[in-house]
C-alpha atoms as a PDB file:
ATOM      1  CA  UNK A   1      13.590 -24.825  -6.645  1.00  0.00           C
ATOM      2  CA  UNK A   2       9.939 -23.675  -6.514  1.00  0.00           C
ATOM      3  CA  UNK A   3       8.538 -20.915  -8.729  1.00  0.00           C
ATOM      4  CA  UNK A   4       8.080 -18.785  -5.631  1.00  0.00           C
ATOM      5  CA  UNK A   5      11.701 -19.107  -4.504  1.00  0.00           C
ATOM      6  CA  UNK A   6      12.919 -18.456  -8.086  1.00  0.00           C
ATOM      7  CA  UNK A   7      10.884 -15.264  -8.286  1.00  0.00           C
ATOM      8  CA  UNK A   8      12.073 -14.164  -4.842  1.00  0.00           C
ATOM      9  CA  UNK A   9      15.687 -14.734  -5.849  1.00  0.00           C
ATOM     10  CA  UNK A  10      15.233 -12.680  -9.038  1.00  0.00           C
ATOM     11  CA  UNK A  11      13.384  -9.846  -7.306  1.00  0.00           C
ATOM     12  CA  UNK A  12      16.012  -9.632  -4.568  1.00  0.00           C
ATOM     13  CA  UNK A  13      18.738  -9.365  -7.191  1.00  0.00           C
ATOM     14  CA  UNK A  14      17.106  -7.043  -9.751  1.00  0.00           C
ATOM     15  CA  UNK A  15      14.217  -5.339  -7.934  1.00  0.00           C
ATOM     16  CA  UNK A  16      13.942  -1.712  -6.871  1.00  0.00           C
ATOM     17  CA  UNK A  17      14.072  -0.607  -3.238  1.00  0.00           C
ATOM     18  CA  UNK A  18      10.663   0.247  -1.779  1.00  0.00           C
ATOM     19  CA  UNK A  19       9.271   0.850   1.707  1.00  0.00           C
ATOM     20  CA  UNK A  20       5.728  -0.123   2.667  1.00  0.00           C
ATOM     21  CA  UNK A  21       4.160   1.980   5.432  1.00  0.00           C
ATOM     22  CA  UNK A  22       1.296   0.208   7.212  1.00  0.00           C
ATOM     23  CA  UNK A  23      -0.790   1.983   9.833  1.00  0.00           C
ATOM     24  CA  UNK A  24      -2.967   0.762  12.665  1.00  0.00           C
ATOM     25  CA  UNK A  25      -5.833   2.865  13.954  1.00  0.00           C
ATOM     26  CA  UNK A  26      -5.229   2.461  17.684  1.00  0.00           C
ATOM     27  CA  UNK A  27      -8.049   3.548  20.008  1.00  0.00           C
ATOM     28  CA  UNK A  28     -10.955   5.877  19.319  1.00  0.00           C
ATOM     29  CA  UNK A  29     -10.413   9.262  20.970  1.00  0.00           C
ATOM     30  CA  UNK A  30     -12.643   9.811  24.047  1.00  0.00           C
ATOM     31  CA  UNK A  31     -13.689  13.136  22.506  1.00  0.00           C
ATOM     32  CA  UNK A  32     -15.087  11.431  19.395  1.00  0.00           C
ATOM     33  CA  UNK A  33     -18.675  12.448  18.647  1.00  0.00           C
ATOM     34  CA  UNK A  34     -20.563   9.714  16.778  1.00  0.00           C
ATOM     35  CA  UNK A  35     -23.241  12.135  15.612  1.00  0.00           C
ATOM     36  CA  UNK A  36     -20.707  14.281  13.717  1.00  0.00           C
ATOM     37  CA  UNK A  37     -18.069  11.663  12.957  1.00  0.00           C
ATOM     38  CA  UNK A  38     -15.361  13.961  14.351  1.00  0.00           C
ATOM     39  CA  UNK A  39     -13.572  14.593  17.605  1.00  0.00           C
ATOM     40  CA  UNK A  40     -14.990  17.493  19.623  1.00  0.00           C
ATOM     41  CA  UNK A  41     -12.186  20.110  19.859  1.00  0.00           C
ATOM     42  CA  UNK A  42     -13.528  21.155  23.250  1.00  0.00           C
ATOM     43  CA  UNK A  43     -12.498  17.777  24.665  1.00  0.00           C
ATOM     44  CA  UNK A  44      -8.819  18.515  23.960  1.00  0.00           C
ATOM     45  CA  UNK A  45      -9.090  22.069  25.331  1.00  0.00           C
ATOM     46  CA  UNK A  46     -10.618  20.663  28.543  1.00  0.00           C
ATOM     47  CA  UNK A  47      -8.055  17.800  28.718  1.00  0.00           C
ATOM     48  CA  UNK A  48      -4.720  19.242  27.539  1.00  0.00           C
ATOM     49  CA  UNK A  49      -2.707  16.413  29.125  1.00  0.00           C
ATOM     50  CA  UNK A  50      -4.534  13.720  27.148  1.00  0.00           C
ATOM     51  CA  UNK A  51      -2.924  12.489  23.900  1.00  0.00           C
ATOM     52  CA  UNK A  52      -3.926  14.321  20.734  1.00  0.00           C
ATOM     53  CA  UNK A  53      -5.891  12.329  18.190  1.00  0.00           C
ATOM     54  CA  UNK A  54      -5.264  12.154  14.458  1.00  0.00           C
ATOM     55  CA  UNK A  55      -7.589  13.492  11.736  1.00  0.00           C
ATOM     56  CA  UNK A  56      -9.636  10.280  11.952  1.00  0.00           C
ATOM     57  CA  UNK A  57     -10.135  10.699  15.729  1.00  0.00           C
ATOM     58  CA  UNK A  58      -7.801   7.891  16.825  1.00  0.00           C
ATOM     59  CA  UNK A  59      -5.073   7.940  19.473  1.00  0.00           C
ATOM     60  CA  UNK A  60      -2.140   5.594  19.985  1.00  0.00           C
ATOM     61  CA  UNK A  61      -1.822   4.917  16.289  1.00  0.00           C
ATOM     62  CA  UNK A  62       1.290   3.258  14.984  1.00  0.00           C
ATOM     63  CA  UNK A  63       3.017   2.672  11.683  1.00  0.00           C
ATOM     64  CA  UNK A  64       5.402  -0.018  10.568  1.00  0.00           C
ATOM     65  CA  UNK A  65       7.956   0.422   7.833  1.00  0.00           C
ATOM     66  CA  UNK A  66       8.882  -2.613   5.761  1.00  0.00           C
ATOM     67  CA  UNK A  67      11.777  -2.139   3.331  1.00  0.00           C
ATOM     68  CA  UNK A  68      12.042  -4.714   0.558  1.00  0.00           C
ATOM     69  CA  UNK A  69      12.546  -5.097  -3.202  1.00  0.00           C
ATOM     70  CA  UNK A  70       9.835  -5.028  -5.873  1.00  0.00           C
ATOM     71  CA  UNK A  71       9.580  -4.555  -9.611  1.00  0.00           C
ATOM     72  CA  UNK A  72       8.179  -1.114 -10.465  1.00  0.00           C
ATOM     73  CA  UNK A  73       7.539  -0.040 -14.063  1.00  0.00           C
ATOM     74  CA  UNK A  74       5.792   3.015 -15.502  1.00  0.00           C
ATOM     75  CA  UNK A  75       2.515   1.840 -16.973  1.00  0.00           C
ATOM     76  CA  UNK A  76       2.962   3.953 -20.095  1.00  0.00           C
ATOM     77  CA  UNK A  77       6.147   2.025 -20.952  1.00  0.00           C
ATOM     78  CA  UNK A  78       4.405  -1.330 -20.628  1.00  0.00           C
ATOM     79  CA  UNK A  79       0.971  -0.523 -21.988  1.00  0.00           C
ATOM     80  CA  UNK A  80       2.317   0.524 -25.388  1.00  0.00           C
ATOM     81  CA  UNK A  81       3.385  -3.085 -25.944  1.00  0.00           C
ATOM     82  CA  UNK A  82       0.368  -4.938 -24.583  1.00  0.00           C
ATOM     83  CA  UNK A  83      -2.371  -2.394 -23.675  1.00  0.00           C
ATOM     84  CA  UNK A  84      -5.232  -4.902 -23.573  1.00  0.00           C
ATOM     85  CA  UNK A  85      -3.290  -7.282 -21.338  1.00  0.00           C
ATOM     86  CA  UNK A  86      -2.563  -4.595 -18.737  1.00  0.00           C
ATOM     87  CA  UNK A  87      -6.119  -3.259 -18.818  1.00  0.00           C
ATOM     88  CA  UNK A  88      -7.331  -6.812 -18.163  1.00  0.00           C
ATOM     89  CA  UNK A  89      -4.858  -7.408 -15.328  1.00  0.00           C
ATOM     90  CA  UNK A  90      -5.036  -4.100 -13.466  1.00  0.00           C
ATOM     91  CA  UNK A  91      -8.038  -2.253 -14.847  1.00  0.00           C
ATOM     92  CA  UNK A  92      -8.163   1.250 -16.280  1.00  0.00           C
ATOM     93  CA  UNK A  93      -5.151   3.252 -15.212  1.00  0.00           C
ATOM     94  CA  UNK A  94      -3.757   6.738 -15.784  1.00  0.00           C
ATOM     95  CA  UNK A  95      -0.617   7.477 -17.805  1.00  0.00           C
ATOM     96  CA  UNK A  96       1.387   8.432 -14.713  1.00  0.00           C
ATOM     97  CA  UNK A  97       0.541   5.199 -12.857  1.00  0.00           C
ATOM     98  CA  UNK A  98       3.064   2.430 -12.304  1.00  0.00           C
ATOM     99  CA  UNK A  99       2.771  -1.345 -12.296  1.00  0.00           C
ATOM    100  CA  UNK A 100       3.873  -3.103  -9.105  1.00  0.00           C
ATOM    101  CA  UNK A 101       5.085  -6.700  -8.802  1.00  0.00           C
ATOM    102  CA  UNK A 102       6.167  -7.648  -5.300  1.00  0.00           C
ATOM    103  CA  UNK A 103       7.207 -10.731  -3.369  1.00  0.00           C
ATOM    104  CA  UNK A 104       4.704 -13.216  -2.008  1.00  0.00           C
ATOM    105  CA  UNK A 105       5.932 -12.453   1.509  1.00  0.00           C
ATOM    106  CA  UNK A 106       4.356  -8.942   1.395  1.00  0.00           C
ATOM    107  CA  UNK A 107       0.575  -9.268   1.052  1.00  0.00           C
ATOM    108  CA  UNK A 108      -0.840  -6.058  -0.447  1.00  0.00           C
ATOM    109  CA  UNK A 109      -4.471  -7.179  -0.742  1.00  0.00           C
ATOM    110  CA  UNK A 110      -5.762  -5.781   2.568  1.00  0.00           C
ATOM    111  CA  UNK A 111      -4.057  -2.420   2.930  1.00  0.00           C
ATOM    112  CA  UNK A 112      -5.800   0.478   4.683  1.00  0.00           C
ATOM    113  CA  UNK A 113      -6.468   3.827   3.016  1.00  0.00           C
ATOM    114  CA  UNK A 114      -3.658   5.289   5.123  1.00  0.00           C
ATOM    115  CA  UNK A 115      -1.085   2.719   3.965  1.00  0.00           C
ATOM    116  CA  UNK A 116       1.300   3.662   1.179  1.00  0.00           C
ATOM    117  CA  UNK A 117       4.439   2.611  -0.654  1.00  0.00           C
ATOM    118  CA  UNK A 118       7.515   4.803  -1.094  1.00  0.00           C
ATOM    119  CA  UNK A 119       9.461   4.320  -4.296  1.00  0.00           C
ATOM    120  CA  UNK A 120      12.059   6.681  -5.729  1.00  0.00           C
ATOM    121  CA  UNK A 121      11.231   9.285  -3.069  1.00  0.00           C
ATOM    122  CA  UNK A 122       7.525   9.405  -4.003  1.00  0.00           C
ATOM    123  CA  UNK A 123       4.503   8.090  -2.130  1.00  0.00           C
ATOM    124  CA  UNK A 124       2.061   5.775  -3.897  1.00  0.00           C
ATOM    125  CA  UNK A 125      -1.139   3.998  -2.951  1.00  0.00           C
ATOM    126  CA  UNK A 126      -1.529   0.467  -4.257  1.00  0.00           C
ATOM    127  CA  UNK A 127      -4.758  -0.139  -6.139  1.00  0.00           C
ATOM    128  CA  UNK A 128      -6.212  -3.191  -7.866  1.00  0.00           C
ATOM    129  CA  UNK A 129      -4.095  -5.653  -5.846  1.00  0.00           C
ATOM    130  CA  UNK A 130      -4.093  -9.264  -6.930  1.00  0.00           C
ATOM    131  CA  UNK A 131      -1.872 -12.324  -6.873  1.00  0.00           C
ATOM    132  CA  UNK A 132      -0.234 -14.528  -9.471  1.00  0.00           C
ATOM    133  CA  UNK A 133      -0.535 -18.200  -8.564  1.00  0.00           C
ATOM    134  CA  UNK A 134       0.974 -21.379  -9.942  1.00  0.00           C
ATOM    135  CA  UNK A 135      -0.095 -24.745  -8.509  1.00  0.00           C
ATOM    136  CA  UNK A 136      -1.995 -23.116  -5.615  1.00  0.00           C
ATOM    137  CA  UNK A 137       1.102 -21.196  -4.537  1.00  0.00           C
ATOM    138  CA  UNK A 138       1.273 -17.400  -4.623  1.00  0.00           C
ATOM    139  CA  UNK A 139       4.316 -16.482  -6.695  1.00  0.00           C
ATOM    140  CA  UNK A 140       3.972 -12.690  -6.473  1.00  0.00           C
ATOM    141  CA  UNK A 141       1.486  -9.875  -5.877  1.00  0.00           C
ATOM    142  CA  UNK A 142       0.791  -7.196  -8.463  1.00  0.00           C
ATOM    143  CA  UNK A 143      -1.197  -3.997  -8.692  1.00  0.00           C
ATOM    144  CA  UNK A 144      -1.248  -0.394  -9.835  1.00  0.00           C
ATOM    145  CA  UNK A 145       0.653   2.375  -8.074  1.00  0.00           C
ATOM    146  CA  UNK A 146      -1.030   5.780  -8.046  1.00  0.00           C
ATOM    147  CA  UNK A 147       0.679   8.903  -6.749  1.00  0.00           C
ATOM    148  CA  UNK A 148      -0.658   9.846  -3.337  1.00  0.00           C
END
């Protein structure tokens, strides 16, 4: 059994339930004004039947929800044991941050600013993402979870 499949088996048995929300931008709103970086509100008043855009001036956006299992630990519980190790792995973090270790099947390295993880009813952004590799195979991804 490979290291990756061993880790996946363990995480599926002992991990916590999380949901990853990933967003796609869709199309730029026709009322978007490049000079201001915002959508012109007059466009929507003049075109009430057109779809409304989001705060980033995109329409037809979508989100996917991916439920899975991951290991989530409060950083303060871990950093008391090995503070230098965790600072090296994930950088400077706050006391209320969490450490995330997730399966290799969920790549967290290229998330958008609008993407977030739900754990224990709270929304977190994943920062400092990285991977743990053995023999050129990604075993798991890890990072810091900051409250959104």
